[in-house]
Amino acid sequence: MKKNHFYAHIVETSSITLELADMDLSKEERLHLLELLNSNIHNSVLDTVLSNLSPDDKKIFLANLHANDHAKIWIHLKSKIMDVEDKIKKSIEDLKKELQKDIDEAKKLNS
């Protein structure tokens, strides 16, 4: 079962999913690439959050993350990081732009 991440409401990956669907990939390859996409997004979000927290606040965040308590996570992050949702969105959008470049390059190589 897929775990719902605390930032799920601000992540949109349908554009990348549609791009992958248009490529000549097996179902397994497509699923693997989507798993990599989700993993990269998760790592990018965590990097963005952790790089903006003090050591003590990192511990609180990680405890809330481990408990999967989305409400506490957001209360904590919004009290410690100015415009945290915008920072997370930007990190995701930057990652998606890089992935789009990779997809475009792969399409050129396969045409």
C-alpha atoms as a PDB file:
ATOM      1  CA  MET A   1       0.000   0.000   0.000  1.00  0.00           C
ATOM      2  CA  LYS A   2       1.307   3.416  -0.962  1.00  0.00           C
ATOM      3  CA  LYS A   3       1.945   5.758   1.928  1.00  0.00           C
ATOM      4  CA  ASN A   4       0.359   9.198   1.643  1.00  0.00           C
ATOM      5  CA  HIS A   5       3.078  11.798   2.187  1.00  0.00           C
ATOM      6  CA  PHE A   6       2.467  14.991   4.148  1.00  0.00           C
ATOM      7  CA  TYR A   7       3.115  17.044   1.003  1.00  0.00           C
ATOM      8  CA  ALA A   8       0.867  14.985  -1.315  1.00  0.00           C
ATOM      9  CA  HIS A   9      -1.655  17.812  -1.676  1.00  0.00           C
ATOM     10  CA  ILE A  10       0.932  20.054  -3.339  1.00  0.00           C
ATOM     11  CA  VAL A  11       2.468  17.498  -5.714  1.00  0.00           C
ATOM     12  CA  GLU A  12       1.245  17.177  -9.286  1.00  0.00           C
ATOM     13  CA  THR A  13       2.946  14.566 -11.434  1.00  0.00           C
ATOM     14  CA  SER A  14       0.321  13.919 -14.105  1.00  0.00           C
ATOM     15  CA  SER A  15       2.319  15.784 -16.768  1.00  0.00           C
ATOM     16  CA  ILE A  16       5.324  13.504 -16.239  1.00  0.00           C
ATOM     17  CA  THR A  17       3.075  10.436 -16.034  1.00  0.00           C
ATOM     18  CA  LEU A  18       1.496  11.343 -19.379  1.00  0.00           C
ATOM     19  CA  GLU A  19       4.913  11.895 -20.944  1.00  0.00           C
ATOM     20  CA  LEU A  20       6.038   8.451 -19.793  1.00  0.00           C
ATOM     21  CA  ALA A  21       2.821   6.917 -21.128  1.00  0.00           C
ATOM     22  CA  ASP A  22       3.656   8.284 -24.596  1.00  0.00           C
ATOM     23  CA  MET A  23       7.080   6.645 -24.588  1.00  0.00           C
ATOM     24  CA  ASP A  24       7.828   3.179 -25.908  1.00  0.00           C
ATOM     25  CA  LEU A  25       8.289   1.540 -22.504  1.00  0.00           C
ATOM     26  CA  SER A  26       7.120  -1.706 -20.992  1.00  0.00           C
ATOM     27  CA  LYS A  27       4.675  -1.523 -18.102  1.00  0.00           C
ATOM     28  CA  GLU A  28       7.470  -2.543 -15.724  1.00  0.00           C
ATOM     29  CA  GLU A  29       9.809   0.153 -17.043  1.00  0.00           C
ATOM     30  CA  ARG A  30       7.105   2.800 -16.743  1.00  0.00           C
ATOM     31  CA  LEU A  31       6.255   1.739 -13.178  1.00  0.00           C
ATOM     32  CA  HIS A  32       9.934   1.728 -12.242  1.00  0.00           C
ATOM     33  CA  LEU A  33      10.386   5.256 -13.603  1.00  0.00           C
ATOM     34  CA  LEU A  34       7.308   6.439 -11.694  1.00  0.00           C
ATOM     35  CA  GLU A  35       8.730   4.918  -8.508  1.00  0.00           C
ATOM     36  CA  LEU A  36      11.997   6.765  -9.156  1.00  0.00           C
ATOM     37  CA  LEU A  37      10.046   9.975  -9.739  1.00  0.00           C
ATOM     38  CA  ASN A  38       8.220   9.610  -6.428  1.00  0.00           C
ATOM     39  CA  SER A  39      11.443   8.746  -4.622  1.00  0.00           C
ATOM     40  CA  ASN A  40      13.241  11.760  -6.099  1.00  0.00           C
ATOM     41  CA  ILE A  41      10.349  14.038  -5.147  1.00  0.00           C
ATOM     42  CA  HIS A  42      10.414  12.679  -1.600  1.00  0.00           C
ATOM     43  CA  ASN A  43      14.167  13.213  -1.318  1.00  0.00           C
ATOM     44  CA  SER A  44      13.881  16.728  -2.736  1.00  0.00           C
ATOM     45  CA  VAL A  45      11.119  17.668  -0.283  1.00  0.00           C
ATOM     46  CA  LEU A  46      13.041  16.260   2.674  1.00  0.00           C
ATOM     47  CA  ASP A  47      16.198  18.076   1.593  1.00  0.00           C
ATOM     48  CA  THR A  48      14.286  21.345   1.265  1.00  0.00           C
ATOM     49  CA  VAL A  49      12.690  20.968   4.683  1.00  0.00           C
ATOM     50  CA  LEU A  50      15.734  19.709   6.565  1.00  0.00           C
ATOM     51  CA  SER A  51      18.044  22.350   5.115  1.00  0.00           C
ATOM     52  CA  ASN A  52      15.755  25.033   6.567  1.00  0.00           C
ATOM     53  CA  LEU A  53      15.474  23.636  10.114  1.00  0.00           C
ATOM     54  CA  SER A  54      17.736  23.846  13.151  1.00  0.00           C
ATOM     55  CA  PRO A  55      19.097  20.571  14.572  1.00  0.00           C
ATOM     56  CA  ASP A  56      16.432  20.506  17.307  1.00  0.00           C
ATOM     57  CA  ASP A  57      13.655  21.288  14.837  1.00  0.00           C
ATOM     58  CA  LYS A  58      14.922  18.531  12.546  1.00  0.00           C
ATOM     59  CA  LYS A  59      14.427  16.035  15.379  1.00  0.00           C
ATOM     60  CA  ILE A  60      10.862  17.235  15.946  1.00  0.00           C
ATOM     61  CA  PHE A  61      10.118  17.094  12.226  1.00  0.00           C
ATOM     62  CA  LEU A  62      11.537  13.589  11.867  1.00  0.00           C
ATOM     63  CA  ALA A  63       9.574  12.353  14.893  1.00  0.00           C
ATOM     64  CA  ASN A  64       6.366  13.754  13.400  1.00  0.00           C
ATOM     65  CA  LEU A  65       7.269  12.291  10.022  1.00  0.00           C
ATOM     66  CA  HIS A  66       7.883   8.879  11.576  1.00  0.00           C
ATOM     67  CA  ALA A  67       4.505   9.107  13.339  1.00  0.00           C
ATOM     68  CA  ASN A  68       2.952  10.108   9.982  1.00  0.00           C
ATOM     69  CA  ASP A  69       1.161  12.958  11.767  1.00  0.00           C
ATOM     70  CA  HIS A  70       0.506  15.358   8.903  1.00  0.00           C
ATOM     71  CA  ALA A  71      -1.221  17.967  11.059  1.00  0.00           C
ATOM     72  CA  LYS A  72       1.712  18.199  13.486  1.00  0.00           C
ATOM     73  CA  ILE A  73       4.192  18.237  10.610  1.00  0.00           C
ATOM     74  CA  TRP A  74       2.504  21.232   8.982  1.00  0.00           C
ATOM     75  CA  ILE A  75       2.006  23.115  12.239  1.00  0.00           C
ATOM     76  CA  HIS A  76       5.692  22.659  13.036  1.00  0.00           C
ATOM     77  CA  LEU A  77       6.952  23.513   9.545  1.00  0.00           C
ATOM     78  CA  LYS A  78       4.766  26.589   9.152  1.00  0.00           C
ATOM     79  CA  SER A  79       5.970  27.899  12.510  1.00  0.00           C
ATOM     80  CA  LYS A  80       9.653  27.385  11.653  1.00  0.00           C
ATOM     81  CA  ILE A  81      10.023  27.965   7.894  1.00  0.00           C
ATOM     82  CA  MET A  82       8.649  31.042   6.167  1.00  0.00           C
ATOM     83  CA  ASP A  83       6.695  30.125   3.002  1.00  0.00           C
ATOM     84  CA  VAL A  84       7.440  26.430   3.486  1.00  0.00           C
ATOM     85  CA  GLU A  85       4.786  25.272   1.016  1.00  0.00           C
ATOM     86  CA  ASP A  86       6.172  27.588  -1.665  1.00  0.00           C
ATOM     87  CA  LYS A  87       9.691  26.290  -1.017  1.00  0.00           C
ATOM     88  CA  ILE A  88       8.489  22.699  -1.312  1.00  0.00           C
ATOM     89  CA  LYS A  89       6.550  23.489  -4.504  1.00  0.00           C
ATOM     90  CA  LYS A  90       9.623  25.149  -6.007  1.00  0.00           C
ATOM     91  CA  SER A  91      11.844  22.162  -5.235  1.00  0.00           C
ATOM     92  CA  ILE A  92       9.299  19.835  -6.849  1.00  0.00           C
ATOM     93  CA  GLU A  93       8.878  22.059  -9.913  1.00  0.00           C
ATOM     94  CA  ASP A  94      12.662  22.317 -10.351  1.00  0.00           C
ATOM     95  CA  LEU A  95      12.928  18.535 -10.201  1.00  0.00           C
ATOM     96  CA  LYS A  96      10.083  18.096 -12.684  1.00  0.00           C
ATOM     97  CA  LYS A  97      11.786  20.503 -15.117  1.00  0.00           C
ATOM     98  CA  GLU A  98      14.967  18.429 -14.954  1.00  0.00           C
ATOM     99  CA  LEU A  99      13.001  15.226 -15.493  1.00  0.00           C
ATOM    100  CA  GLN A 100      11.157  16.796 -18.424  1.00  0.00           C
ATOM    101  CA  LYS A 101      14.516  17.660 -20.017  1.00  0.00           C
ATOM    102  CA  ASP A 102      15.624  14.038 -19.570  1.00  0.00           C
ATOM    103  CA  ILE A 103      12.384  12.750 -21.108  1.00  0.00           C
ATOM    104  CA  ASP A 104      12.691  15.128 -24.068  1.00  0.00           C
ATOM    105  CA  GLU A 105      16.281  14.019 -24.627  1.00  0.00           C
ATOM    106  CA  ALA A 106      15.292  10.340 -24.458  1.00  0.00           C
ATOM    107  CA  LYS A 107      12.510  10.937 -26.984  1.00  0.00           C
ATOM    108  CA  LYS A 108      14.971  12.596 -29.384  1.00  0.00           C
ATOM    109  CA  LEU A 109      17.354   9.658 -29.089  1.00  0.00           C
ATOM    110  CA  ASN A 110      14.568   7.169 -29.798  1.00  0.00           C
ATOM    111  CA  SER A 111      13.124   8.970 -32.818  1.00  0.00           C
END
